[in-house]
Amino acid sequence: MYNLIGDKMIIGSHVSFGEKQLLSSAQLAISYGANTFMFYTGAPQNTIRKEIDDQLTLEAKKYMIENNIDIKNVICHAPYIINLANKEKAESWNFSISFLKNEINRITKMGINYIVVHPGNSLNIDRMTALENISEAINNIIDENTIPMILLETMAGKGTECGINIYELKYILEHINEKSKVGICLDTCHLNDSGIDIANFDSYLEEFDEEIGLDKIKCIHINDSKNPIGSHKDRHANLGYGTIGFTNLINVLYHPLLKKVPKILETPWVGKYPPYKLEIEMIKEKRFNPNLEKDLEFLYEDKQTF
């Protein structure tokens, strides 16, 4: 049931970058039954960062090999405060460029191949100008020697977010010089909230393939949504506990055209517990768990440590 034409699904969740840095992240992922993960190199809401410890990185790589996590499938996420779309204040725009470039240098040091980036918010400026600013910023960040790929995330359309449909993403990509070094990260909650019916996911993929190409999809954030299609609100829900529904999300997870793409859960904690171990079990078994909250309480209060 778990295999996709002989290939294991690449499934994980976002995890913390703890005291042992990448090693902490990998250990947490393994405890959830994952074979990949996504992490931030520091808090996503600020720019405070510790130096990367090379010895901990070496230990993490050894641990991942021993536990069948391919580092090529591990994803980093840039902090939310980066805004590449608006350069009314040149100092702020240049800071976003500098900080993202530094994050790329940090993950290059660790051997990570992908970094997910929110395209940014136009704020008070014309939308097309904002899209051009994003491309210009990326052209200032990457060159022919850059190793990690920037993955622009599909956004819900909250406020003045950019990258809310295929055509905005296509426009950004068309104006990037090193096109082979930029891809796309789909987010199922964001797609739903932007107006895409996940029940008709094949139609979306067909259009995406025609306009951009499926080879550009390098990561998928798997989230249910607390809001109806087209709400432009971006509120994640646990698997099967939102408006998208478990069956529709399973169809995305097991889509044959996307079997080699890492899937990452960003679903919310249930009370004081992370749901990822049980949600990954749901995915592997293709069976919705209607008792997620109670089962998590039993799991964690039974003094099992994950």
C-alpha atoms as a PDB file:
ATOM      1  CA  MET A   1       0.000   0.000   0.000  1.00  0.00           C
ATOM      2  CA  TYR A   2       2.898   2.332   0.810  1.00  0.00           C
ATOM      3  CA  ASN A   3       4.867   1.779  -2.381  1.00  0.00           C
ATOM      4  CA  LEU A   4       4.415   3.875  -5.484  1.00  0.00           C
ATOM      5  CA  ILE A   5       5.273   1.598  -8.395  1.00  0.00           C
ATOM      6  CA  GLY A   6       8.129   0.154  -6.357  1.00  0.00           C
ATOM      7  CA  ASP A   7       9.374   3.522  -5.057  1.00  0.00           C
ATOM      8  CA  LYS A   8       8.903   4.674  -1.465  1.00  0.00           C
ATOM      9  CA  MET A   9       7.065   7.914  -0.966  1.00  0.00           C
ATOM     10  CA  ILE A  10       9.328  10.735   0.233  1.00  0.00           C
ATOM     11  CA  ILE A  11       7.404  11.984   3.258  1.00  0.00           C
ATOM     12  CA  GLY A  12       8.255  14.074   6.304  1.00  0.00           C
ATOM     13  CA  SER A  13       7.334  17.199   8.222  1.00  0.00           C
ATOM     14  CA  HIS A  14       8.835  20.465   9.312  1.00  0.00           C
ATOM     15  CA  VAL A  15      11.059  19.947  12.356  1.00  0.00           C
ATOM     16  CA  SER A  16      13.051  22.189  14.675  1.00  0.00           C
ATOM     17  CA  PHE A  17      16.731  22.997  14.189  1.00  0.00           C
ATOM     18  CA  GLY A  18      17.666  22.216  17.791  1.00  0.00           C
ATOM     19  CA  GLU A  19      20.817  22.402  19.872  1.00  0.00           C
ATOM     20  CA  LYS A  20      22.438  19.762  17.683  1.00  0.00           C
ATOM     21  CA  GLN A  21      21.343  21.616  14.550  1.00  0.00           C
ATOM     22  CA  LEU A  22      20.842  19.320  11.549  1.00  0.00           C
ATOM     23  CA  LEU A  23      21.364  16.252  13.732  1.00  0.00           C
ATOM     24  CA  SER A  24      18.473  17.295  16.005  1.00  0.00           C
ATOM     25  CA  SER A  25      16.268  17.786  12.940  1.00  0.00           C
ATOM     26  CA  ALA A  26      17.117  14.362  11.515  1.00  0.00           C
ATOM     27  CA  GLN A  27      16.561  12.604  14.840  1.00  0.00           C
ATOM     28  CA  LEU A  28      13.152  14.206  15.244  1.00  0.00           C
ATOM     29  CA  ALA A  29      12.192  13.244  11.677  1.00  0.00           C
ATOM     30  CA  ILE A  30      13.144   9.609  12.283  1.00  0.00           C
ATOM     31  CA  SER A  31      11.064   9.571  15.473  1.00  0.00           C
ATOM     32  CA  TYR A  32       8.043  10.531  13.352  1.00  0.00           C
ATOM     33  CA  GLY A  33       8.618   7.681  10.885  1.00  0.00           C
ATOM     34  CA  ALA A  34       9.716  10.115   8.169  1.00  0.00           C
ATOM     35  CA  ASN A  35      12.328   9.671   5.454  1.00  0.00           C
ATOM     36  CA  THR A  36      12.831  13.390   4.830  1.00  0.00           C
ATOM     37  CA  PHE A  37      12.199  16.678   6.644  1.00  0.00           C
ATOM     38  CA  MET A  38      12.130  20.453   6.338  1.00  0.00           C
ATOM     39  CA  PHE A  39      13.855  22.838   8.739  1.00  0.00           C
ATOM     40  CA  TYR A  40      14.671  26.499   9.303  1.00  0.00           C
ATOM     41  CA  THR A  41      18.270  27.352  10.233  1.00  0.00           C
ATOM     42  CA  GLY A  42      16.864  29.566  13.001  1.00  0.00           C
ATOM     43  CA  ALA A  43      13.517  30.984  14.085  1.00  0.00           C
ATOM     44  CA  PRO A  44      11.348  31.685  10.999  1.00  0.00           C
ATOM     45  CA  GLN A  45      10.198  35.035  12.412  1.00  0.00           C
ATOM     46  CA  ASN A  46      13.625  36.630  12.891  1.00  0.00           C
ATOM     47  CA  THR A  47      17.180  36.803  11.552  1.00  0.00           C
ATOM     48  CA  ILE A  48      19.031  35.543  14.636  1.00  0.00           C
ATOM     49  CA  ARG A  49      21.326  32.744  13.508  1.00  0.00           C
ATOM     50  CA  LYS A  50      24.056  30.619  15.094  1.00  0.00           C
ATOM     51  CA  GLU A  51      27.137  29.509  13.219  1.00  0.00           C
ATOM     52  CA  ILE A  52      26.818  26.132  11.517  1.00  0.00           C
ATOM     53  CA  ASP A  53      28.772  23.488  13.433  1.00  0.00           C
ATOM     54  CA  ASP A  54      30.598  21.342  10.872  1.00  0.00           C
ATOM     55  CA  GLN A  55      31.064  18.448  13.315  1.00  0.00           C
ATOM     56  CA  LEU A  56      27.314  18.299  14.037  1.00  0.00           C
ATOM     57  CA  THR A  57      26.657  18.384  10.293  1.00  0.00           C
ATOM     58  CA  LEU A  58      28.991  15.413   9.786  1.00  0.00           C
ATOM     59  CA  GLU A  59      27.219  13.504  12.567  1.00  0.00           C
ATOM     60  CA  ALA A  60      23.849  14.372  11.008  1.00  0.00           C
ATOM     61  CA  LYS A  61      24.917  13.096   7.606  1.00  0.00           C
ATOM     62  CA  LYS A  62      26.144   9.836   9.111  1.00  0.00           C
ATOM     63  CA  TYR A  63      22.904   9.456  11.076  1.00  0.00           C
ATOM     64  CA  MET A  64      20.798  10.103   7.967  1.00  0.00           C
ATOM     65  CA  ILE A  65      22.682   7.504   5.948  1.00  0.00           C
ATOM     66  CA  GLU A  66      22.199   4.966   8.751  1.00  0.00           C
ATOM     67  CA  ASN A  67      18.460   5.727   8.839  1.00  0.00           C
ATOM     68  CA  ASN A  68      17.774   5.886   5.090  1.00  0.00           C
ATOM     69  CA  ILE A  69      17.241   9.633   4.761  1.00  0.00           C
ATOM     70  CA  ASP A  70      18.682  10.923   1.489  1.00  0.00           C
ATOM     71  CA  ILE A  71      20.042  14.423   2.129  1.00  0.00           C
ATOM     72  CA  LYS A  72      19.131  15.272  -1.476  1.00  0.00           C
ATOM     73  CA  ASN A  73      15.473  15.215  -0.389  1.00  0.00           C
ATOM     74  CA  VAL A  74      15.908  17.438   2.686  1.00  0.00           C
ATOM     75  CA  ILE A  75      14.401  20.929   2.451  1.00  0.00           C
ATOM     76  CA  CYS A  76      15.277  24.207   4.145  1.00  0.00           C
ATOM     77  CA  HIS A  77      12.735  27.034   4.480  1.00  0.00           C
ATOM     78  CA  ALA A  78      13.758  30.688   4.457  1.00  0.00           C
ATOM     79  CA  PRO A  79      12.352  32.944   7.216  1.00  0.00           C
ATOM     80  CA  TYR A  80       9.035  34.684   6.611  1.00  0.00           C
ATOM     81  CA  ILE A  81      10.442  38.166   7.099  1.00  0.00           C
ATOM     82  CA  ILE A  82      12.211  38.125   3.728  1.00  0.00           C
ATOM     83  CA  ASN A  83      10.371  40.289   1.189  1.00  0.00           C
ATOM     84  CA  LEU A  84      11.853  40.316  -2.300  1.00  0.00           C
ATOM     85  CA  ALA A  85       8.809  41.990  -3.896  1.00  0.00           C
ATOM     86  CA  ASN A  86       8.988  45.548  -2.602  1.00  0.00           C
ATOM     87  CA  LYS A  87      11.990  47.837  -2.859  1.00  0.00           C
ATOM     88  CA  GLU A  88      10.437  51.166  -1.901  1.00  0.00           C
ATOM     89  CA  LYS A  89      12.921  51.087   0.961  1.00  0.00           C
ATOM     90  CA  ALA A  90      16.149  50.048  -0.746  1.00  0.00           C
ATOM     91  CA  GLU A  91      17.748  49.216   2.590  1.00  0.00           C
ATOM     92  CA  SER A  92      15.026  46.665   3.470  1.00  0.00           C
ATOM     93  CA  TRP A  93      15.057  45.079   0.009  1.00  0.00           C
ATOM     94  CA  ASN A  94      18.840  44.813   0.006  1.00  0.00           C
ATOM     95  CA  PHE A  95      18.732  43.310   3.505  1.00  0.00           C
ATOM     96  CA  SER A  96      16.318  40.598   2.265  1.00  0.00           C
ATOM     97  CA  ILE A  97      18.688  39.847  -0.600  1.00  0.00           C
ATOM     98  CA  SER A  98      21.716  39.723   1.687  1.00  0.00           C
ATOM     99  CA  PHE A  99      20.002  37.567   4.286  1.00  0.00           C
ATOM    100  CA  LEU A 100      18.680  35.041   1.761  1.00  0.00           C
ATOM    101  CA  LYS A 101      22.119  34.856   0.173  1.00  0.00           C
ATOM    102  CA  ASN A 102      23.554  34.117   3.623  1.00  0.00           C
ATOM    103  CA  GLU A 103      20.949  31.396   4.235  1.00  0.00           C
ATOM    104  CA  ILE A 104      21.923  29.809   0.926  1.00  0.00           C
ATOM    105  CA  ASN A 105      25.574  29.886   1.977  1.00  0.00           C
ATOM    106  CA  ARG A 106      24.647  28.216   5.278  1.00  0.00           C
ATOM    107  CA  ILE A 107      22.741  25.359   3.662  1.00  0.00           C
ATOM    108  CA  THR A 108      25.425  24.960   0.998  1.00  0.00           C
ATOM    109  CA  LYS A 109      27.822  24.320   3.869  1.00  0.00           C
ATOM    110  CA  MET A 110      25.483  21.583   5.134  1.00  0.00           C
ATOM    111  CA  GLY A 111      24.935  19.996   1.714  1.00  0.00           C
ATOM    112  CA  ILE A 112      21.226  20.905   1.443  1.00  0.00           C
ATOM    113  CA  ASN A 113      19.912  21.244  -2.114  1.00  0.00           C
ATOM    114  CA  TYR A 114      16.651  23.205  -1.708  1.00  0.00           C
ATOM    115  CA  ILE A 115      15.432  26.326   0.076  1.00  0.00           C
ATOM    116  CA  VAL A 116      11.746  27.325   0.000  1.00  0.00           C
ATOM    117  CA  VAL A 117      11.063  31.059  -0.213  1.00  0.00           C
ATOM    118  CA  HIS A 118       7.827  33.054  -0.006  1.00  0.00           C
ATOM    119  CA  PRO A 119       7.982  35.349  -3.059  1.00  0.00           C
ATOM    120  CA  GLY A 120       7.022  38.431  -1.047  1.00  0.00           C
ATOM    121  CA  ASN A 121       4.379  41.128  -0.679  1.00  0.00           C
ATOM    122  CA  SER A 122       3.854  43.999  -3.117  1.00  0.00           C
ATOM    123  CA  LEU A 123       2.524  46.299  -0.362  1.00  0.00           C
ATOM    124  CA  ASN A 124       1.934  49.716  -1.951  1.00  0.00           C
ATOM    125  CA  ILE A 125       3.445  49.138  -5.378  1.00  0.00           C
ATOM    126  CA  ASP A 126       2.124  47.905  -8.728  1.00  0.00           C
ATOM    127  CA  ARG A 127       1.867  44.113  -8.837  1.00  0.00           C
ATOM    128  CA  MET A 128       3.835  43.618 -12.049  1.00  0.00           C
ATOM    129  CA  THR A 129       6.619  45.781 -10.661  1.00  0.00           C
ATOM    130  CA  ALA A 130       6.619  43.584  -7.559  1.00  0.00           C
ATOM    131  CA  LEU A 131       7.010  40.440  -9.683  1.00  0.00           C
ATOM    132  CA  GLU A 132       9.900  42.085 -11.538  1.00  0.00           C
ATOM    133  CA  ASN A 133      11.485  42.988  -8.190  1.00  0.00           C
ATOM    134  CA  ILE A 134      11.358  39.336  -7.127  1.00  0.00           C
ATOM    135  CA  SER A 135      13.133  38.217 -10.289  1.00  0.00           C
ATOM    136  CA  GLU A 136      15.693  41.006  -9.955  1.00  0.00           C
ATOM    137  CA  ALA A 137      16.367  40.065  -6.357  1.00  0.00           C
ATOM    138  CA  ILE A 138      16.897  36.402  -7.235  1.00  0.00           C
ATOM    139  CA  ASN A 139      19.222  37.440 -10.066  1.00  0.00           C
ATOM    140  CA  ASN A 140      21.251  39.315  -7.447  1.00  0.00           C
ATOM    141  CA  ILE A 141      21.299  36.285  -5.117  1.00  0.00           C
ATOM    142  CA  ILE A 142      22.215  33.375  -7.393  1.00  0.00           C
ATOM    143  CA  ASP A 143      24.737  32.871 -10.149  1.00  0.00           C
ATOM    144  CA  GLU A 144      26.160  29.983 -12.147  1.00  0.00           C
ATOM    145  CA  ASN A 145      28.050  28.757  -9.071  1.00  0.00           C
ATOM    146  CA  THR A 146      25.041  28.575  -6.739  1.00  0.00           C
ATOM    147  CA  ILE A 147      24.276  24.988  -5.711  1.00  0.00           C
ATOM    148  CA  PRO A 148      20.991  24.990  -3.745  1.00  0.00           C
ATOM    149  CA  MET A 149      17.801  25.618  -5.689  1.00  0.00           C
ATOM    150  CA  ILE A 150      15.432  28.396  -4.637  1.00  0.00           C
ATOM    151  CA  LEU A 151      11.863  27.078  -4.541  1.00  0.00           C
ATOM    152  CA  LEU A 152       9.187  29.766  -4.834  1.00  0.00           C
ATOM    153  CA  GLU A 153       6.158  28.750  -2.796  1.00  0.00           C
ATOM    154  CA  THR A 154       2.611  28.997  -4.118  1.00  0.00           C
ATOM    155  CA  MET A 155       0.796  31.508  -1.909  1.00  0.00           C
ATOM    156  CA  ALA A 156      -2.805  31.846  -0.698  1.00  0.00           C
ATOM    157  CA  GLY A 157      -3.302  35.478  -1.739  1.00  0.00           C
ATOM    158  CA  LYS A 158      -3.485  36.902   1.772  1.00  0.00           C
ATOM    159  CA  GLY A 159      -2.982  40.667   1.759  1.00  0.00           C
ATOM    160  CA  THR A 160      -0.663  41.619  -1.100  1.00  0.00           C
ATOM    161  CA  GLU A 161       1.143  38.287  -1.435  1.00  0.00           C
ATOM    162  CA  CYS A 162       2.772  37.559  -4.788  1.00  0.00           C
ATOM    163  CA  GLY A 163       3.014  34.142  -6.429  1.00  0.00           C
ATOM    164  CA  ILE A 164      -0.687  33.362  -5.982  1.00  0.00           C
ATOM    165  CA  ASN A 165      -1.215  31.650  -9.343  1.00  0.00           C
ATOM    166  CA  ILE A 166       0.598  29.858 -12.135  1.00  0.00           C
ATOM    167  CA  TYR A 167       0.916  32.985 -14.243  1.00  0.00           C
ATOM    168  CA  GLU A 168       2.609  35.085 -11.568  1.00  0.00           C
ATOM    169  CA  LEU A 169       5.082  32.295 -10.887  1.00  0.00           C
ATOM    170  CA  LYS A 170       5.691  31.868 -14.614  1.00  0.00           C
ATOM    171  CA  TYR A 171       6.358  35.596 -15.007  1.00  0.00           C
ATOM    172  CA  ILE A 172       8.917  35.519 -12.193  1.00  0.00           C
ATOM    173  CA  LEU A 173      10.646  32.439 -13.618  1.00  0.00           C
ATOM    174  CA  GLU A 174      10.788  33.909 -17.127  1.00  0.00           C
ATOM    175  CA  HIS A 175      12.802  36.889 -15.846  1.00  0.00           C
ATOM    176  CA  ILE A 176      15.392  34.884 -13.911  1.00  0.00           C
ATOM    177  CA  ASN A 177      18.792  34.453 -15.524  1.00  0.00           C
ATOM    178  CA  GLU A 178      19.795  31.112 -13.970  1.00  0.00           C
ATOM    179  CA  LYS A 179      16.481  29.375 -14.655  1.00  0.00           C
ATOM    180  CA  SER A 180      17.800  25.904 -13.807  1.00  0.00           C
ATOM    181  CA  LYS A 181      18.436  27.034 -10.226  1.00  0.00           C
ATOM    182  CA  VAL A 182      14.853  28.094  -9.396  1.00  0.00           C
ATOM    183  CA  GLY A 183      11.846  25.806  -8.933  1.00  0.00           C
ATOM    184  CA  ILE A 184       8.423  25.711  -7.281  1.00  0.00           C
ATOM    185  CA  CYS A 185       7.066  24.418  -3.970  1.00  0.00           C
ATOM    186  CA  LEU A 186       3.335  23.672  -4.047  1.00  0.00           C
ATOM    187  CA  ASP A 187       1.309  24.114  -0.860  1.00  0.00           C
ATOM    188  CA  THR A 188      -2.091  22.402  -0.814  1.00  0.00           C
ATOM    189  CA  CYS A 189      -3.623  24.795   1.731  1.00  0.00           C
ATOM    190  CA  HIS A 190      -2.342  27.805  -0.200  1.00  0.00           C
ATOM    191  CA  LEU A 191      -3.621  26.371  -3.474  1.00  0.00           C
ATOM    192  CA  ASN A 192      -7.064  25.811  -1.954  1.00  0.00           C
ATOM    193  CA  ASP A 193      -7.206  29.261  -0.399  1.00  0.00           C
ATOM    194  CA  SER A 194      -6.035  30.877  -3.640  1.00  0.00           C
ATOM    195  CA  GLY A 195      -8.948  29.311  -5.525  1.00  0.00           C
ATOM    196  CA  ILE A 196      -7.688  25.926  -6.758  1.00  0.00           C
ATOM    197  CA  ASP A 197     -10.005  22.933  -6.281  1.00  0.00           C
ATOM    198  CA  ILE A 198      -7.744  20.134  -5.020  1.00  0.00           C
ATOM    199  CA  ALA A 199     -10.495  17.670  -5.986  1.00  0.00           C
ATOM    200  CA  ASN A 200      -9.538  18.586  -9.579  1.00  0.00           C
ATOM    201  CA  PHE A 201      -5.796  18.457  -8.956  1.00  0.00           C
ATOM    202  CA  ASP A 202      -5.134  16.803 -12.325  1.00  0.00           C
ATOM    203  CA  SER A 203      -6.523  19.868 -14.104  1.00  0.00           C
ATOM    204  CA  TYR A 204      -4.213  22.110 -12.107  1.00  0.00           C
ATOM    205  CA  LEU A 205      -1.189  19.920 -12.898  1.00  0.00           C
ATOM    206  CA  GLU A 206      -2.085  19.901 -16.585  1.00  0.00           C
ATOM    207  CA  GLU A 207      -2.161  23.688 -16.661  1.00  0.00           C
ATOM    208  CA  PHE A 208       1.017  23.913 -14.611  1.00  0.00           C
ATOM    209  CA  ASP A 209       2.783  21.561 -17.009  1.00  0.00           C
ATOM    210  CA  GLU A 210       1.687  23.598 -20.027  1.00  0.00           C
ATOM    211  CA  GLU A 211       2.762  26.938 -18.557  1.00  0.00           C
ATOM    212  CA  ILE A 212       5.793  26.075 -16.402  1.00  0.00           C
ATOM    213  CA  GLY A 213       6.567  22.340 -16.570  1.00  0.00           C
ATOM    214  CA  LEU A 214       6.102  19.666 -13.913  1.00  0.00           C
ATOM    215  CA  ASP A 215       9.875  19.248 -13.664  1.00  0.00           C
ATOM    216  CA  LYS A 216       9.935  22.553 -11.763  1.00  0.00           C
ATOM    217  CA  ILE A 217       7.934  21.096  -8.841  1.00  0.00           C
ATOM    218  CA  LYS A 218      10.583  20.081  -6.305  1.00  0.00           C
ATOM    219  CA  CYS A 219       8.610  20.047  -3.031  1.00  0.00           C
ATOM    220  CA  ILE A 220       4.974  19.867  -1.880  1.00  0.00           C
ATOM    221  CA  HIS A 221       3.698  21.157   1.453  1.00  0.00           C
ATOM    222  CA  ILE A 222       0.827  18.902   2.490  1.00  0.00           C
ATOM    223  CA  ASN A 223      -1.752  20.763   4.568  1.00  0.00           C
ATOM    224  CA  ASP A 224      -5.511  20.719   4.901  1.00  0.00           C
ATOM    225  CA  SER A 225      -7.236  24.115   5.107  1.00  0.00           C
ATOM    226  CA  LYS A 226      -9.528  25.637   7.705  1.00  0.00           C
ATOM    227  CA  ASN A 227     -11.119  27.807   5.028  1.00  0.00           C
ATOM    228  CA  PRO A 228     -13.155  27.333   1.836  1.00  0.00           C
ATOM    229  CA  ILE A 229     -11.714  27.571  -1.666  1.00  0.00           C
ATOM    230  CA  GLY A 230     -10.759  31.116  -2.621  1.00  0.00           C
ATOM    231  CA  SER A 231     -10.810  32.501   0.922  1.00  0.00           C
ATOM    232  CA  HIS A 232      -7.244  33.934   0.649  1.00  0.00           C
ATOM    233  CA  LYS A 233      -6.664  33.367   4.378  1.00  0.00           C
ATOM    234  CA  ASP A 234      -3.920  30.690   4.715  1.00  0.00           C
ATOM    235  CA  ARG A 235      -4.912  28.767   7.845  1.00  0.00           C
ATOM    236  CA  HIS A 236      -3.582  25.215   7.905  1.00  0.00           C
ATOM    237  CA  ALA A 237      -5.578  22.276   9.263  1.00  0.00           C
ATOM    238  CA  ASN A 238      -4.613  18.712  10.098  1.00  0.00           C
ATOM    239  CA  LEU A 239      -4.948  15.974   7.497  1.00  0.00           C
ATOM    240  CA  GLY A 240      -8.627  15.305   6.833  1.00  0.00           C
ATOM    241  CA  TYR A 241      -9.772  17.879   9.382  1.00  0.00           C
ATOM    242  CA  GLY A 242     -10.256  20.716   6.910  1.00  0.00           C
ATOM    243  CA  THR A 243     -12.134  21.702   3.784  1.00  0.00           C
ATOM    244  CA  ILE A 244      -9.793  19.921   1.341  1.00  0.00           C
ATOM    245  CA  GLY A 245     -10.410  16.495   2.849  1.00  0.00           C
ATOM    246  CA  PHE A 246      -8.313  13.397   3.431  1.00  0.00           C
ATOM    247  CA  THR A 247      -9.095  11.649   0.131  1.00  0.00           C
ATOM    248  CA  ASN A 248      -8.121  14.669  -1.956  1.00  0.00           C
ATOM    249  CA  LEU A 249      -4.841  15.035  -0.048  1.00  0.00           C
ATOM    250  CA  ILE A 250      -4.081  11.329  -0.436  1.00  0.00           C
ATOM    251  CA  ASN A 251      -4.580  11.740  -4.190  1.00  0.00           C
ATOM    252  CA  VAL A 252      -1.965  14.512  -4.175  1.00  0.00           C
ATOM    253  CA  LEU A 253       0.434  12.494  -2.015  1.00  0.00           C
ATOM    254  CA  TYR A 254       0.198   9.409  -4.227  1.00  0.00           C
ATOM    255  CA  HIS A 255      -0.004  11.183  -7.577  1.00  0.00           C
ATOM    256  CA  PRO A 256       2.086   9.143 -10.033  1.00  0.00           C
ATOM    257  CA  LEU A 257       3.539  12.244 -11.725  1.00  0.00           C
ATOM    258  CA  LEU A 258       4.873  13.530  -8.406  1.00  0.00           C
ATOM    259  CA  LYS A 259       6.182  10.348  -6.790  1.00  0.00           C
ATOM    260  CA  LYS A 260       9.791  11.576  -6.654  1.00  0.00           C
ATOM    261  CA  VAL A 261       8.864  14.930  -5.092  1.00  0.00           C
ATOM    262  CA  PRO A 262       9.414  15.296  -1.303  1.00  0.00           C
ATOM    263  CA  LYS A 263       6.141  15.870   0.580  1.00  0.00           C
ATOM    264  CA  ILE A 264       6.314  17.915   3.790  1.00  0.00           C
ATOM    265  CA  LEU A 265       3.620  18.228   6.469  1.00  0.00           C
ATOM    266  CA  GLU A 266       3.179  21.707   7.939  1.00  0.00           C
ATOM    267  CA  THR A 267      -0.019  20.864   9.802  1.00  0.00           C
ATOM    268  CA  PRO A 268      -0.629  22.477  13.217  1.00  0.00           C
ATOM    269  CA  TRP A 269       0.079  20.882  16.566  1.00  0.00           C
ATOM    270  CA  VAL A 270      -2.961  19.318  18.215  1.00  0.00           C
ATOM    271  CA  GLY A 271      -3.105  20.876  21.646  1.00  0.00           C
ATOM    272  CA  LYS A 272       0.445  20.584  22.972  1.00  0.00           C
ATOM    273  CA  TYR A 273       1.477  17.672  20.748  1.00  0.00           C
ATOM    274  CA  PRO A 274       3.011  17.441  17.260  1.00  0.00           C
ATOM    275  CA  PRO A 275       0.781  15.259  15.045  1.00  0.00           C
ATOM    276  CA  TYR A 276       3.358  14.146  12.498  1.00  0.00           C
ATOM    277  CA  LYS A 277       4.007  10.578  13.606  1.00  0.00           C
ATOM    278  CA  LEU A 278       0.293   9.746  13.463  1.00  0.00           C
ATOM    279  CA  GLU A 279      -0.336  11.758  10.295  1.00  0.00           C
ATOM    280  CA  ILE A 280       2.504   9.948   8.522  1.00  0.00           C
ATOM    281  CA  GLU A 281       0.925   6.678   9.652  1.00  0.00           C
ATOM    282  CA  MET A 282      -2.387   7.851   8.156  1.00  0.00           C
ATOM    283  CA  ILE A 283      -0.633   8.591   4.881  1.00  0.00           C
ATOM    284  CA  LYS A 284       1.186   5.266   4.739  1.00  0.00           C
ATOM    285  CA  GLU A 285      -1.998   3.343   5.548  1.00  0.00           C
ATOM    286  CA  LYS A 286      -4.236   5.611   3.429  1.00  0.00           C
ATOM    287  CA  ARG A 287      -6.635   5.589   6.338  1.00  0.00           C
ATOM    288  CA  PHE A 288      -8.096   8.667   8.034  1.00  0.00           C
ATOM    289  CA  ASN A 289      -7.797   8.768  11.824  1.00  0.00           C
ATOM    290  CA  PRO A 290     -10.892  10.433  13.330  1.00  0.00           C
ATOM    291  CA  ASN A 291      -9.389  10.162  16.827  1.00  0.00           C
ATOM    292  CA  LEU A 292      -6.176  12.100  16.253  1.00  0.00           C
ATOM    293  CA  GLU A 293      -6.365  14.201  19.417  1.00  0.00           C
ATOM    294  CA  LYS A 294      -7.073  11.273  21.748  1.00  0.00           C
ATOM    295  CA  ASP A 295      -4.472   9.055  20.096  1.00  0.00           C
ATOM    296  CA  LEU A 296      -1.838  11.783  20.433  1.00  0.00           C
ATOM    297  CA  GLU A 297      -2.630  12.193  24.115  1.00  0.00           C
ATOM    298  CA  PHE A 298      -2.248   8.441  24.594  1.00  0.00           C
ATOM    299  CA  LEU A 299       0.969   8.388  22.572  1.00  0.00           C
ATOM    300  CA  TYR A 300       2.719  11.179  24.431  1.00  0.00           C
ATOM    301  CA  GLU A 301       1.258  10.749  27.891  1.00  0.00           C
ATOM    302  CA  ASP A 302       2.265   7.094  27.736  1.00  0.00           C
ATOM    303  CA  LYS A 303       5.793   8.522  28.147  1.00  0.00           C
ATOM    304  CA  GLN A 304       6.921   7.586  24.676  1.00  0.00           C
ATOM    305  CA  THR A 305       9.325  10.239  23.487  1.00  0.00           C
ATOM    306  CA  PHE A 306       9.150  11.436  19.894  1.00  0.00           C
END
